[in-house]
């Protein structure tokens, strides 16, 4: 798991700590502060891919923003999953590969893929 967030380092680390998220490896946490750009700029996603030595077909980008977490990564050919917690997503010109209602649904997608 890699975290890519449009924020500065300190607010993200505080939020993760507040929510009892164990920061297993800070090398796998990318912020706009660290990458020096913001989503949905291609350089944001390219920076993560380059630093982690990953190809676009090895990555799935999961998030709750149609522009930042779906449109941005799709510009590079990355598979996307939209987390639509309130069932507000309506099909339009920005289409994620998958739509889920919460992060627990990622487990279901993995089972279906296998």
C-alpha atoms as a PDB file:
ATOM      1  CA  UNK A   1       0.000   0.000   0.000  1.00  0.00           C
ATOM      2  CA  UNK A   2       1.182   3.468  -0.927  1.00  0.00           C
ATOM      3  CA  UNK A   3      -0.464   6.678   0.236  1.00  0.00           C
ATOM      4  CA  UNK A   4      -0.620   9.650  -2.146  1.00  0.00           C
ATOM      5  CA  UNK A   5      -2.231  12.745  -0.656  1.00  0.00           C
ATOM      6  CA  UNK A   6      -2.676  16.351  -1.719  1.00  0.00           C
ATOM      7  CA  UNK A   7      -1.470  17.828   1.545  1.00  0.00           C
ATOM      8  CA  UNK A   8       1.676  18.767   3.398  1.00  0.00           C
ATOM      9  CA  UNK A   9       3.537  16.128   5.386  1.00  0.00           C
ATOM     10  CA  UNK A  10       2.718  17.191   8.946  1.00  0.00           C
ATOM     11  CA  UNK A  11      -1.095  17.460   8.631  1.00  0.00           C
ATOM     12  CA  UNK A  12      -1.221  14.022   6.998  1.00  0.00           C
ATOM     13  CA  UNK A  13       0.967  12.401   9.663  1.00  0.00           C
ATOM     14  CA  UNK A  14      -1.160  13.991  12.389  1.00  0.00           C
ATOM     15  CA  UNK A  15      -4.341  12.716  10.735  1.00  0.00           C
ATOM     16  CA  UNK A  16      -2.928   9.194  10.388  1.00  0.00           C
ATOM     17  CA  UNK A  17      -1.833   9.191  14.029  1.00  0.00           C
ATOM     18  CA  UNK A  18      -5.222  10.534  15.202  1.00  0.00           C
ATOM     19  CA  UNK A  19      -6.980   7.718  13.328  1.00  0.00           C
ATOM     20  CA  UNK A  20      -4.601   5.081  14.697  1.00  0.00           C
ATOM     21  CA  UNK A  21      -3.177   4.278  11.272  1.00  0.00           C
ATOM     22  CA  UNK A  22       0.187   2.636  11.732  1.00  0.00           C
ATOM     23  CA  UNK A  23       2.682   4.338   9.454  1.00  0.00           C
ATOM     24  CA  UNK A  24       4.482   1.191   8.360  1.00  0.00           C
ATOM     25  CA  UNK A  25       6.961   2.857   6.031  1.00  0.00           C
ATOM     26  CA  UNK A  26       7.160   6.585   5.475  1.00  0.00           C
ATOM     27  CA  UNK A  27       8.912   5.913   2.155  1.00  0.00           C
ATOM     28  CA  UNK A  28       5.501   4.771   0.896  1.00  0.00           C
ATOM     29  CA  UNK A  29       3.755   8.005   1.852  1.00  0.00           C
ATOM     30  CA  UNK A  30       3.716  10.705  -0.799  1.00  0.00           C
ATOM     31  CA  UNK A  31       2.392  14.197  -0.242  1.00  0.00           C
ATOM     32  CA  UNK A  32       2.158  17.225  -2.465  1.00  0.00           C
ATOM     33  CA  UNK A  33       4.830  18.771  -0.263  1.00  0.00           C
ATOM     34  CA  UNK A  34       7.200  15.897  -1.000  1.00  0.00           C
ATOM     35  CA  UNK A  35       6.341  15.660  -4.729  1.00  0.00           C
ATOM     36  CA  UNK A  36       6.198  19.461  -5.169  1.00  0.00           C
ATOM     37  CA  UNK A  37       2.927  19.286  -7.121  1.00  0.00           C
ATOM     38  CA  UNK A  38      -0.757  18.589  -6.551  1.00  0.00           C
ATOM     39  CA  UNK A  39      -3.256  16.099  -7.922  1.00  0.00           C
ATOM     40  CA  UNK A  40      -4.464  15.868 -10.685  1.00  0.00           C
ATOM     41  CA  UNK A  41      -1.179  16.999 -12.289  1.00  0.00           C
ATOM     42  CA  UNK A  42       0.425  14.010 -14.040  1.00  0.00           C
ATOM     43  CA  UNK A  43       3.736  14.639 -12.277  1.00  0.00           C
ATOM     44  CA  UNK A  44       2.088  13.724  -8.956  1.00  0.00           C
ATOM     45  CA  UNK A  45       1.336  10.163 -10.067  1.00  0.00           C
ATOM     46  CA  UNK A  46       4.495   9.866 -12.189  1.00  0.00           C
ATOM     47  CA  UNK A  47       6.598  10.790  -9.156  1.00  0.00           C
ATOM     48  CA  UNK A  48       5.055   7.998  -7.100  1.00  0.00           C
ATOM     49  CA  UNK A  49       5.483   5.459  -9.911  1.00  0.00           C
ATOM     50  CA  UNK A  50       9.098   6.463 -10.451  1.00  0.00           C
ATOM     51  CA  UNK A  51      10.087   6.445  -6.774  1.00  0.00           C
ATOM     52  CA  UNK A  52       8.430   3.050  -6.222  1.00  0.00           C
ATOM     53  CA  UNK A  53       9.707   1.619  -9.519  1.00  0.00           C
ATOM     54  CA  UNK A  54       6.190   0.690 -10.632  1.00  0.00           C
ATOM     55  CA  UNK A  55       4.491   0.590 -14.020  1.00  0.00           C
ATOM     56  CA  UNK A  56       0.983   1.922 -14.588  1.00  0.00           C
ATOM     57  CA  UNK A  57      -0.428  -1.580 -15.091  1.00  0.00           C
ATOM     58  CA  UNK A  58       0.870  -2.623 -11.654  1.00  0.00           C
ATOM     59  CA  UNK A  59      -1.072   0.055  -9.801  1.00  0.00           C
ATOM     60  CA  UNK A  60      -4.643   0.704  -8.706  1.00  0.00           C
ATOM     61  CA  UNK A  61      -5.427   4.212  -7.476  1.00  0.00           C
ATOM     62  CA  UNK A  62      -8.183   4.359  -4.855  1.00  0.00           C
ATOM     63  CA  UNK A  63      -9.795   7.595  -3.725  1.00  0.00           C
ATOM     64  CA  UNK A  64     -12.949   9.618  -3.262  1.00  0.00           C
ATOM     65  CA  UNK A  65     -12.397  12.441  -5.751  1.00  0.00           C
ATOM     66  CA  UNK A  66     -13.484  12.077  -9.378  1.00  0.00           C
ATOM     67  CA  UNK A  67     -10.897  14.590 -10.553  1.00  0.00           C
ATOM     68  CA  UNK A  68      -7.947  13.889  -8.252  1.00  0.00           C
ATOM     69  CA  UNK A  69      -8.326  10.142  -7.815  1.00  0.00           C
ATOM     70  CA  UNK A  70      -9.952   9.050 -11.068  1.00  0.00           C
ATOM     71  CA  UNK A  71      -9.351  11.549 -13.878  1.00  0.00           C
ATOM     72  CA  UNK A  72      -5.746  12.270 -12.853  1.00  0.00           C
ATOM     73  CA  UNK A  73      -4.457   8.687 -12.717  1.00  0.00           C
ATOM     74  CA  UNK A  74      -6.536   7.628 -15.747  1.00  0.00           C
ATOM     75  CA  UNK A  75      -4.543  10.164 -17.812  1.00  0.00           C
ATOM     76  CA  UNK A  76      -1.602   7.781 -17.314  1.00  0.00           C
ATOM     77  CA  UNK A  77      -3.626   4.601 -17.847  1.00  0.00           C
ATOM     78  CA  UNK A  78      -3.807   3.662 -14.159  1.00  0.00           C
ATOM     79  CA  UNK A  79      -6.772   1.558 -13.015  1.00  0.00           C
ATOM     80  CA  UNK A  80      -8.998   3.580 -10.666  1.00  0.00           C
ATOM     81  CA  UNK A  81     -11.473   2.840  -7.913  1.00  0.00           C
ATOM     82  CA  UNK A  82     -13.820   5.563  -6.724  1.00  0.00           C
ATOM     83  CA  UNK A  83     -14.911   5.372  -3.087  1.00  0.00           C
ATOM     84  CA  UNK A  84     -18.468   6.757  -3.200  1.00  0.00           C
ATOM     85  CA  UNK A  85     -19.480   6.684   0.465  1.00  0.00           C
ATOM     86  CA  UNK A  86     -22.775   8.532  -0.062  1.00  0.00           C
ATOM     87  CA  UNK A  87     -23.891   6.983  -3.375  1.00  0.00           C
ATOM     88  CA  UNK A  88     -23.605  10.308  -5.174  1.00  0.00           C
ATOM     89  CA  UNK A  89     -21.675   9.139  -8.233  1.00  0.00           C
ATOM     90  CA  UNK A  90     -23.511   9.521 -11.508  1.00  0.00           C
ATOM     91  CA  UNK A  91     -21.942   8.296 -14.736  1.00  0.00           C
ATOM     92  CA  UNK A  92     -20.429  11.143 -16.712  1.00  0.00           C
ATOM     93  CA  UNK A  93     -17.339  11.808 -18.788  1.00  0.00           C
ATOM     94  CA  UNK A  94     -15.092  10.773 -15.876  1.00  0.00           C
ATOM     95  CA  UNK A  95     -15.553   7.049 -15.350  1.00  0.00           C
ATOM     96  CA  UNK A  96     -13.649   5.014 -12.781  1.00  0.00           C
ATOM     97  CA  UNK A  97     -12.888   1.374 -13.449  1.00  0.00           C
ATOM     98  CA  UNK A  98     -14.798   0.445 -10.294  1.00  0.00           C
ATOM     99  CA  UNK A  99     -17.055   2.199  -7.790  1.00  0.00           C
ATOM    100  CA  UNK A 100     -17.218   1.033  -4.188  1.00  0.00           C
ATOM    101  CA  UNK A 101     -19.030   2.401  -1.127  1.00  0.00           C
ATOM    102  CA  UNK A 102     -16.294   1.898   1.451  1.00  0.00           C
ATOM    103  CA  UNK A 103     -12.749   0.629   1.700  1.00  0.00           C
ATOM    104  CA  UNK A 104     -13.920  -2.757   2.968  1.00  0.00           C
ATOM    105  CA  UNK A 105     -15.324  -3.347  -0.514  1.00  0.00           C
ATOM    106  CA  UNK A 106     -11.739  -3.592  -1.796  1.00  0.00           C
ATOM    107  CA  UNK A 107     -11.666  -7.096  -0.332  1.00  0.00           C
ATOM    108  CA  UNK A 108     -14.684  -8.069  -2.424  1.00  0.00           C
ATOM    109  CA  UNK A 109     -13.023  -6.769  -5.589  1.00  0.00           C
ATOM    110  CA  UNK A 110      -9.926  -8.840  -4.861  1.00  0.00           C
ATOM    111  CA  UNK A 111     -12.027 -11.981  -4.379  1.00  0.00           C
ATOM    112  CA  UNK A 112     -13.881 -11.339  -7.641  1.00  0.00           C
ATOM    113  CA  UNK A 113     -10.590 -10.798  -9.464  1.00  0.00           C
ATOM    114  CA  UNK A 114      -9.192 -14.122  -8.207  1.00  0.00           C
END
